[in-house]
Amino acid sequence: MRLDPATLLTFVVLPGVVFALAYGPVLTQLSRGLVSPYRKADIRKRAYAAAIDGCIVIASATPYLTTGFVLYLVIAAAYLLFRDSIRGQSAGKWVAGLVVISLEHGRPSGFSGSLRRNALLLLPGANLAAIVLEARSIVRDPQGQRLGDRLAQTQVVEGLGAKDLVKSFQDSLEQVGTGVGRSVGRPGRAPVRVR
């Protein structure tokens, strides 16, 4: 599939340039009066989570190149849009221990928050500019919010993830092990003499 230069200019370059020019003023306008009580999430964790989610999107869309079956693109787009909708976590955020929360009620974001937060990433051309501009906003913003977060009134914070799940499982096993040890050997009690 090849795009002619006019189509490329119309559907990729032009929207990307318009998005890049409008990004700063829109972000500034949405930033006024929005204060969050939550700490900024670790930027390295966010980059790690974004890399995992990016790999999932690429892996979902790549079969389209060989088969031409549009369903692969639909699956990739659906993941991109709704990735943060289950308990506020995508696969990448779950692994990194991050959660997207709604600033309106302080609970993990749902389907509508995920849609509003990630819709910009589906606009052809604008999505390419968004990769750079959104990453820069995450680094510079005191709360780590990008334009998508401002639109959806969400914030990425550190929360429960894979590491916490493993730690919880280890603690449970440890408690079971100490309970078994007490009932078998009964440490702390003097041995009873039998005559």
Protein backbone atom coordinates (compact mmCIF):
# COMPACT_ATOMS: atom_id res chain seq x y z
CA MET A 1 0.00 0.00 0.00
CA ARG A 2 1.60 3.24 -1.16
CA LEU A 3 0.34 6.73 -0.48
CA ASP A 4 0.70 9.37 -3.16
CA PRO A 5 2.29 12.67 -2.03
CA ALA A 6 -1.01 14.61 -2.09
CA THR A 7 -2.74 12.07 0.15
CA LEU A 8 0.25 11.98 2.48
CA LEU A 9 0.27 15.77 2.71
CA THR A 10 -3.50 16.01 3.24
CA PHE A 11 -4.01 13.21 5.75
CA VAL A 12 -0.71 13.01 7.62
CA VAL A 13 1.51 16.07 7.35
CA LEU A 14 -1.13 18.80 7.49
CA PRO A 15 -3.00 17.39 10.53
CA GLY A 16 0.35 16.87 12.27
CA VAL A 17 1.41 20.47 11.70
CA VAL A 18 -1.98 21.86 12.80
CA PHE A 19 -1.88 19.69 15.93
CA ALA A 20 1.67 20.79 16.76
CA LEU A 21 0.77 24.48 16.36
CA ALA A 22 -2.39 24.21 18.47
CA TYR A 23 -0.87 21.95 21.15
CA GLY A 24 0.81 24.61 23.32
CA PRO A 25 -2.10 27.08 23.51
CA VAL A 26 -4.65 24.32 24.15
CA LEU A 27 -2.51 22.75 26.89
CA THR A 28 -2.04 26.15 28.54
CA GLN A 29 -5.77 26.90 28.41
CA LEU A 30 -6.66 23.54 29.95
CA SER A 31 -3.97 23.87 32.63
CA ARG A 32 -5.55 26.88 34.27
CA GLY A 33 -7.28 26.05 37.52
CA LEU A 34 -6.54 22.32 37.41
CA VAL A 35 -4.63 21.32 40.53
CA SER A 36 -4.08 17.75 41.61
CA PRO A 37 -3.43 16.53 45.16
CA TYR A 38 -1.46 13.53 43.82
CA ARG A 39 2.28 13.19 43.30
CA LYS A 40 3.79 12.91 39.85
CA ALA A 41 4.47 9.31 38.81
CA ASP A 42 8.04 8.25 38.05
CA ILE A 43 8.86 9.19 34.45
CA ARG A 44 10.96 6.06 33.88
CA LYS A 45 8.01 3.88 34.89
CA ARG A 46 5.77 5.81 32.50
CA ALA A 47 8.27 5.37 29.66
CA TYR A 48 8.51 1.65 30.41
CA ALA A 49 4.70 1.32 30.44
CA ALA A 50 4.41 3.28 27.16
CA ALA A 51 7.01 1.03 25.53
CA ILE A 52 5.07 -2.11 26.52
CA ASP A 53 1.78 -0.64 25.30
CA GLY A 54 3.44 0.52 22.08
CA CYS A 55 4.72 -2.99 21.43
CA ILE A 56 1.20 -4.37 21.94
CA VAL A 57 -0.25 -1.86 19.47
CA ILE A 58 2.46 -2.60 16.88
CA ALA A 59 2.06 -6.35 17.33
CA SER A 60 -1.71 -5.99 16.88
CA ALA A 61 -1.44 -3.84 13.75
CA THR A 62 1.49 -5.56 11.99
CA PRO A 63 -0.49 -8.50 10.53
CA TYR A 64 -2.48 -5.94 8.52
CA LEU A 65 0.63 -5.26 6.41
CA THR A 66 0.74 -8.83 5.12
CA THR A 67 -2.94 -9.75 5.11
CA GLY A 68 -4.67 -6.45 4.40
CA PHE A 69 -7.35 -7.50 6.89
CA VAL A 70 -8.65 -4.28 8.49
CA LEU A 71 -9.72 -6.02 11.70
CA TYR A 72 -6.08 -5.95 12.84
CA LEU A 73 -6.07 -2.15 12.64
CA VAL A 74 -9.38 -2.01 14.50
CA ILE A 75 -7.98 -4.20 17.30
CA ALA A 76 -4.86 -2.01 17.58
CA ALA A 77 -6.97 1.17 17.63
CA ALA A 78 -9.35 -0.27 20.23
CA TYR A 79 -6.45 -1.21 22.49
CA LEU A 80 -4.94 2.26 22.06
CA LEU A 81 -8.24 3.96 22.93
CA PHE A 82 -9.42 1.77 25.80
CA ARG A 83 -6.11 0.52 27.23
CA ASP A 84 -6.54 2.39 30.54
CA SER A 85 -10.18 1.47 31.09
CA ILE A 86 -9.86 -1.61 33.30
CA ARG A 87 -9.10 -0.42 36.83
CA GLY A 88 -7.25 2.52 35.27
CA GLN A 89 -4.44 0.32 33.97
CA SER A 90 -3.14 -0.83 30.62
CA ALA A 91 -0.91 -3.87 30.38
CA GLY A 92 2.14 -1.61 30.51
CA LYS A 93 0.86 0.39 33.46
CA TRP A 94 0.02 -2.80 35.33
CA VAL A 95 3.57 -4.11 34.88
CA ALA A 96 5.05 -0.73 35.89
CA GLY A 97 2.71 -0.33 38.89
CA LEU A 98 0.90 2.78 37.58
CA VAL A 99 -2.78 3.73 37.61
CA VAL A 100 -4.75 6.40 35.72
CA ILE A 101 -7.09 8.10 38.17
CA SER A 102 -9.91 10.54 37.60
CA LEU A 103 -9.29 13.85 39.33
CA GLU A 104 -13.05 14.35 39.63
CA HIS A 105 -13.63 11.46 42.03
CA GLY A 106 -10.16 10.05 42.84
CA ARG A 107 -10.94 6.54 41.60
CA PRO A 108 -9.32 4.67 38.70
CA SER A 109 -10.37 5.92 35.29
CA GLY A 110 -12.94 3.97 33.29
CA PHE A 111 -13.99 3.64 29.63
CA SER A 112 -14.98 7.28 29.05
CA GLY A 113 -11.84 8.62 30.73
CA SER A 114 -9.65 6.29 28.68
CA LEU A 115 -11.41 7.31 25.47
CA ARG A 116 -11.04 11.05 26.16
CA ARG A 117 -7.46 10.59 27.31
CA ASN A 118 -6.26 8.60 24.29
CA ALA A 119 -8.42 9.85 21.38
CA LEU A 120 -5.70 12.23 20.18
CA LEU A 121 -3.41 9.29 19.52
CA LEU A 122 -5.64 8.03 16.69
CA LEU A 123 -5.57 11.18 14.57
CA PRO A 124 -3.30 10.55 11.56
CA GLY A 125 -0.34 12.90 11.59
CA ALA A 126 -1.34 14.34 14.94
CA ASN A 127 -0.39 11.04 16.58
CA LEU A 128 3.17 11.39 15.32
CA ALA A 129 3.44 14.93 16.71
CA ALA A 130 1.72 13.78 19.91
CA ILE A 131 4.44 11.24 20.65
CA VAL A 132 7.00 14.03 21.00
CA LEU A 133 4.76 16.76 22.44
CA GLU A 134 3.00 14.53 24.96
CA ALA A 135 6.31 13.07 26.19
CA ARG A 136 7.70 16.59 26.64
CA SER A 137 4.59 17.63 28.58
CA ILE A 138 4.87 14.62 30.89
CA VAL A 139 8.46 15.56 31.74
CA ARG A 140 7.86 19.30 32.17
CA ASP A 141 4.47 19.31 33.89
CA PRO A 142 4.67 19.35 37.72
CA GLN A 143 1.92 16.70 37.88
CA GLY A 144 3.10 14.73 34.84
CA GLN A 145 -0.08 15.45 32.89
CA ARG A 146 -0.16 15.47 29.12
CA LEU A 147 -2.85 17.07 26.94
CA GLY A 148 -4.87 13.84 26.98
CA ASP A 149 -4.85 13.92 30.79
CA ARG A 150 -5.98 17.55 30.79
CA LEU A 151 -8.86 16.77 28.41
CA ALA A 152 -10.01 13.79 30.47
CA GLN A 153 -9.12 15.33 33.87
CA THR A 154 -6.98 12.33 34.77
CA GLN A 155 -3.50 11.77 36.16
CA VAL A 156 -1.13 8.82 36.16
CA VAL A 157 -0.05 7.92 39.69
CA GLU A 158 1.84 5.07 41.24
CA GLY A 159 -0.46 2.31 42.40
CA LEU A 160 -0.96 -1.42 42.43
CA GLY A 161 0.75 -3.45 39.77
CA ALA A 162 2.50 -6.72 39.04
CA LYS A 163 5.23 -6.09 41.62
CA ASP A 164 2.63 -5.50 44.34
CA LEU A 165 0.73 -8.63 43.33
CA VAL A 166 3.89 -10.75 43.58
CA LYS A 167 4.78 -9.18 46.96
CA SER A 168 1.26 -9.88 48.25
CA PHE A 169 1.51 -13.50 47.07
CA GLN A 170 4.92 -13.90 48.73
CA ASP A 171 3.58 -12.46 51.99
CA SER A 172 0.64 -14.88 51.88
CA LEU A 173 2.97 -17.84 51.35
CA GLU A 174 5.19 -16.62 54.17
CA GLN A 175 2.21 -16.44 56.55
CA VAL A 176 1.12 -19.94 55.57
CA GLY A 177 4.69 -21.21 56.11
CA THR A 178 4.99 -19.66 59.57
CA GLY A 179 1.55 -21.01 60.52
CA VAL A 180 2.57 -24.53 59.50
CA GLY A 181 5.86 -24.22 61.40
CA ARG A 182 4.10 -23.23 64.58
CA SER A 183 1.62 -26.07 64.50
CA VAL A 184 4.23 -28.74 63.74
CA GLY A 185 7.21 -27.76 65.88
CA ARG A 186 5.50 -25.36 68.29
CA PRO A 187 8.55 -23.14 68.79
CA GLY A 188 8.67 -21.13 71.98
CA ARG A 189 7.38 -23.94 74.21
CA ALA A 190 9.57 -26.20 76.26
CA PRO A 191 9.49 -29.83 75.24
CA VAL A 192 7.22 -32.00 77.32
CA ARG A 193 8.89 -34.94 79.06
CA VAL A 194 7.18 -38.24 78.83
CA ARG A 195 7.71 -40.77 81.61
